Amino acid sequence: MAGNSHMPRSAKSRAGARPRSGRKQAGSGSAQSNVMNDAIALDALAGHAGYAVRRFQIWIFQDFIRTLGAVDIRPTQYSVMTVIGANPGLSQMAVAQRLGIERARLVHLLDSLEDRKLVKRVRSRTDRRSHALHLTARGQTSLRQFKLLAAEHERHVAEKIGKANREQLLRILSDFT
């Protein structure tokens, strides 16, 4: 690690450390690929926040999809339903802007949620070009179930990084939400 003199001591020790958890790392497909991955140096990437956040995001999404797999809900679908559930009557534009989703992608997402009878669009009374979004009764019931499973996923995150670290991470990232 002599080439990493720009990294703080704690980052140096973590950069070469093996994962503490018995769970697979993001992007690893087998024990053999873990050995191969451990042998491949990351050089400066080990000290880049963006790289670490992206790898954590991959792990987060994989765990979320695995945990909510039985109900066939993806992270973005869950986010959209949660925002609509908390703000009935929002326009598609407002949801897209709040969640940072491209409008065209949101339309596709809403189509799939509508096909499943979880969300309904109601033509706006004030703007005929706009639709107000609402959860259906089935959507409300489903969202309650999704939230319970999402809480289980959050417990997995706490197991992976520690409860205090999870809370600190949420504080750090709060400026981006």
Protein backbone atom coordinates (compact mmCIF):
# COMPACT_ATOMS: atom_id res chain seq x y z
CA MET A 1 0.00 0.00 0.00
CA ALA A 2 2.94 2.30 -0.33
CA GLY A 3 1.29 3.91 -3.34
CA ASN A 4 -1.65 5.01 -1.17
CA SER A 5 0.19 7.55 0.97
CA HIS A 6 -2.54 10.12 0.24
CA MET A 7 -5.11 7.98 2.04
CA PRO A 8 -5.83 8.48 5.74
CA ARG A 9 -4.56 5.68 7.97
CA SER A 10 -8.06 4.32 8.63
CA ALA A 11 -8.84 4.21 4.92
CA LYS A 12 -5.55 2.37 4.24
CA SER A 13 -6.35 -0.32 6.75
CA ARG A 14 -9.89 -0.76 5.41
CA ALA A 15 -8.81 -0.71 1.76
CA GLY A 16 -6.91 -3.97 2.12
CA ALA A 17 -9.19 -5.54 4.69
CA ARG A 18 -11.45 -8.44 3.90
CA PRO A 19 -15.17 -8.02 4.58
CA ARG A 20 -16.20 -8.81 8.16
CA SER A 21 -19.57 -10.25 7.20
CA GLY A 22 -20.11 -13.76 5.89
CA ARG A 23 -22.39 -12.34 3.18
CA LYS A 24 -21.16 -12.01 -0.37
CA GLN A 25 -19.79 -8.68 -1.49
CA ALA A 26 -21.63 -6.68 -4.13
CA GLY A 27 -20.77 -7.91 -7.57
CA SER A 28 -19.29 -11.24 -6.43
CA GLY A 29 -20.73 -14.37 -7.92
CA SER A 30 -18.90 -17.11 -6.02
CA ALA A 31 -16.22 -17.85 -3.48
CA GLN A 32 -13.75 -18.25 -6.35
CA SER A 33 -14.55 -14.78 -7.69
CA ASN A 34 -14.12 -13.38 -4.14
CA VAL A 35 -10.59 -14.79 -4.09
CA MET A 36 -9.93 -13.33 -7.52
CA ASN A 37 -11.41 -9.97 -6.47
CA ASP A 38 -9.24 -9.89 -3.34
CA ALA A 39 -6.15 -10.41 -5.50
CA ILE A 40 -6.98 -7.48 -7.81
CA ALA A 41 -5.71 -4.17 -6.42
CA LEU A 42 -8.08 -1.20 -6.51
CA ASP A 43 -5.29 1.38 -6.16
CA ALA A 44 -6.81 4.86 -5.80
CA LEU A 45 -10.37 3.52 -6.11
CA ALA A 46 -10.13 2.29 -2.52
CA GLY A 47 -10.04 5.93 -1.40
CA HIS A 48 -12.80 7.24 -3.69
CA ALA A 49 -16.11 7.90 -1.98
CA GLY A 50 -17.99 7.55 -5.26
CA TYR A 51 -16.61 4.07 -5.88
CA ALA A 52 -17.42 2.92 -2.35
CA VAL A 53 -20.93 4.43 -2.48
CA ARG A 54 -21.61 2.75 -5.83
CA ARG A 55 -20.45 -0.66 -4.55
CA PHE A 56 -22.62 -0.21 -1.44
CA GLN A 57 -25.54 0.83 -3.65
CA ILE A 58 -25.16 -2.39 -5.64
CA TRP A 59 -25.23 -4.42 -2.43
CA ILE A 60 -28.22 -2.41 -1.14
CA PHE A 61 -30.22 -2.95 -4.34
CA GLN A 62 -29.39 -6.67 -4.46
CA ASP A 63 -30.50 -7.13 -0.86
CA PHE A 64 -33.67 -5.04 -1.39
CA ILE A 65 -34.61 -7.05 -4.49
CA ARG A 66 -33.90 -10.33 -2.68
CA THR A 67 -35.84 -9.28 0.43
CA LEU A 68 -38.84 -7.98 -1.52
CA GLY A 69 -38.59 -10.58 -4.29
CA ALA A 70 -41.67 -12.50 -3.16
CA VAL A 71 -43.85 -9.42 -3.72
CA ASP A 72 -42.11 -8.48 -6.99
CA ILE A 73 -41.41 -4.84 -6.11
CA ARG A 74 -38.30 -2.98 -7.21
CA PRO A 75 -36.63 -0.13 -5.30
CA THR A 76 -37.91 2.60 -7.64
CA GLN A 77 -41.45 1.20 -7.62
CA TYR A 78 -41.36 1.16 -3.82
CA SER A 79 -40.13 4.77 -3.77
CA VAL A 80 -42.87 5.92 -6.13
CA MET A 81 -45.59 4.14 -4.17
CA THR A 82 -44.27 5.47 -0.86
CA VAL A 83 -44.28 9.08 -2.09
CA ILE A 84 -47.75 8.73 -3.64
CA GLY A 85 -49.02 7.09 -0.44
CA ALA A 86 -47.66 9.96 1.65
CA ASN A 87 -48.91 12.62 -0.79
CA PRO A 88 -52.13 11.49 -2.50
CA GLY A 89 -52.99 13.58 -5.53
CA LEU A 90 -49.47 14.59 -6.54
CA SER A 91 -48.87 15.10 -10.22
CA GLN A 92 -46.58 12.81 -12.20
CA MET A 93 -44.25 15.78 -12.70
CA ALA A 94 -44.03 16.41 -8.94
CA VAL A 95 -43.22 12.75 -8.22
CA ALA A 96 -40.61 12.65 -10.99
CA GLN A 97 -38.94 15.81 -9.73
CA ARG A 98 -38.98 14.80 -6.05
CA LEU A 99 -37.46 11.38 -6.73
CA GLY A 100 -35.14 12.45 -9.54
CA ILE A 101 -36.73 10.10 -12.07
CA GLU A 102 -36.90 10.94 -15.77
CA ARG A 103 -40.49 11.65 -16.79
CA ALA A 104 -40.50 8.98 -19.52
CA ARG A 105 -39.22 6.36 -17.07
CA LEU A 106 -41.85 7.36 -14.51
CA VAL A 107 -44.62 6.95 -17.10
CA HIS A 108 -43.42 3.39 -17.75
CA LEU A 109 -43.21 2.72 -14.00
CA LEU A 110 -46.71 4.07 -13.41
CA ASP A 111 -48.05 1.96 -16.29
CA SER A 112 -46.66 -1.18 -14.62
CA LEU A 113 -48.05 -0.19 -11.20
CA GLU A 114 -51.41 0.62 -12.79
CA ASP A 115 -51.45 -2.76 -14.57
CA ARG A 116 -51.01 -4.37 -11.15
CA LYS A 117 -53.90 -2.26 -9.78
CA LEU A 118 -51.63 -0.60 -7.20
CA VAL A 119 -51.76 2.99 -8.49
CA LYS A 120 -54.39 4.98 -10.35
CA ARG A 121 -54.16 8.17 -12.34
CA VAL A 122 -56.98 10.66 -12.02
CA ARG A 123 -57.24 13.48 -14.54
CA SER A 124 -56.55 16.78 -12.81
CA ARG A 125 -59.52 19.12 -12.45
CA THR A 126 -57.31 22.17 -12.85
CA ASP A 127 -54.98 21.01 -15.64
CA ARG A 128 -56.36 18.55 -18.20
CA ARG A 129 -52.83 17.67 -19.29
CA SER A 130 -51.93 16.47 -15.80
CA HIS A 131 -52.89 13.46 -13.70
CA ALA A 132 -53.19 13.21 -9.93
CA LEU A 133 -51.69 10.00 -8.57
CA HIS A 134 -53.33 7.87 -5.91
CA LEU A 135 -52.82 4.43 -4.45
CA THR A 136 -55.71 2.06 -4.99
CA ALA A 137 -57.11 0.18 -1.99
CA ARG A 138 -54.99 -2.76 -3.14
CA GLY A 139 -52.00 -0.41 -3.42
CA GLN A 140 -52.48 0.83 0.13
CA THR A 141 -52.64 -2.72 1.47
CA SER A 142 -49.64 -3.75 -0.62
CA LEU A 143 -47.60 -0.73 0.48
CA ARG A 144 -48.10 -1.69 4.14
CA GLN A 145 -46.67 -5.14 3.32
CA PHE A 146 -43.84 -3.60 1.27
CA LYS A 147 -42.90 -1.32 4.17
CA LEU A 148 -42.63 -4.30 6.53
CA LEU A 149 -40.31 -6.05 4.08
CA ALA A 150 -38.35 -2.84 3.52
CA ALA A 151 -37.87 -2.60 7.30
CA GLU A 152 -36.43 -6.14 7.19
CA HIS A 153 -34.08 -4.97 4.43
CA GLU A 154 -33.00 -2.02 6.62
CA ARG A 155 -32.21 -4.52 9.40
CA HIS A 156 -29.93 -6.30 6.91
CA VAL A 157 -28.18 -2.98 6.25
CA ALA A 158 -27.70 -2.47 9.99
CA GLU A 159 -26.29 -6.01 10.28
CA LYS A 160 -23.87 -5.30 7.43
CA ILE A 161 -22.52 -1.93 8.61
CA GLY A 162 -23.71 -1.66 12.22
CA LYS A 163 -26.71 0.22 13.60
CA ALA A 164 -24.72 3.33 14.61
CA ASN A 165 -22.98 3.45 11.23
CA ARG A 166 -26.34 3.12 9.45
CA GLU A 167 -27.72 6.04 11.44
CA GLN A 168 -24.59 8.10 10.77
CA LEU A 169 -24.77 7.26 7.07
CA LEU A 170 -28.38 8.47 6.94
CA ARG A 171 -27.31 11.74 8.62
CA ILE A 172 -24.45 12.20 6.17
CA LEU A 173 -26.65 11.50 3.15
CA SER A 174 -29.62 13.57 4.37
CA ASP A 175 -28.44 16.57 2.32
CA PHE A 176 -29.06 14.49 -0.81
CA THR A 177 -32.62 13.37 -0.06
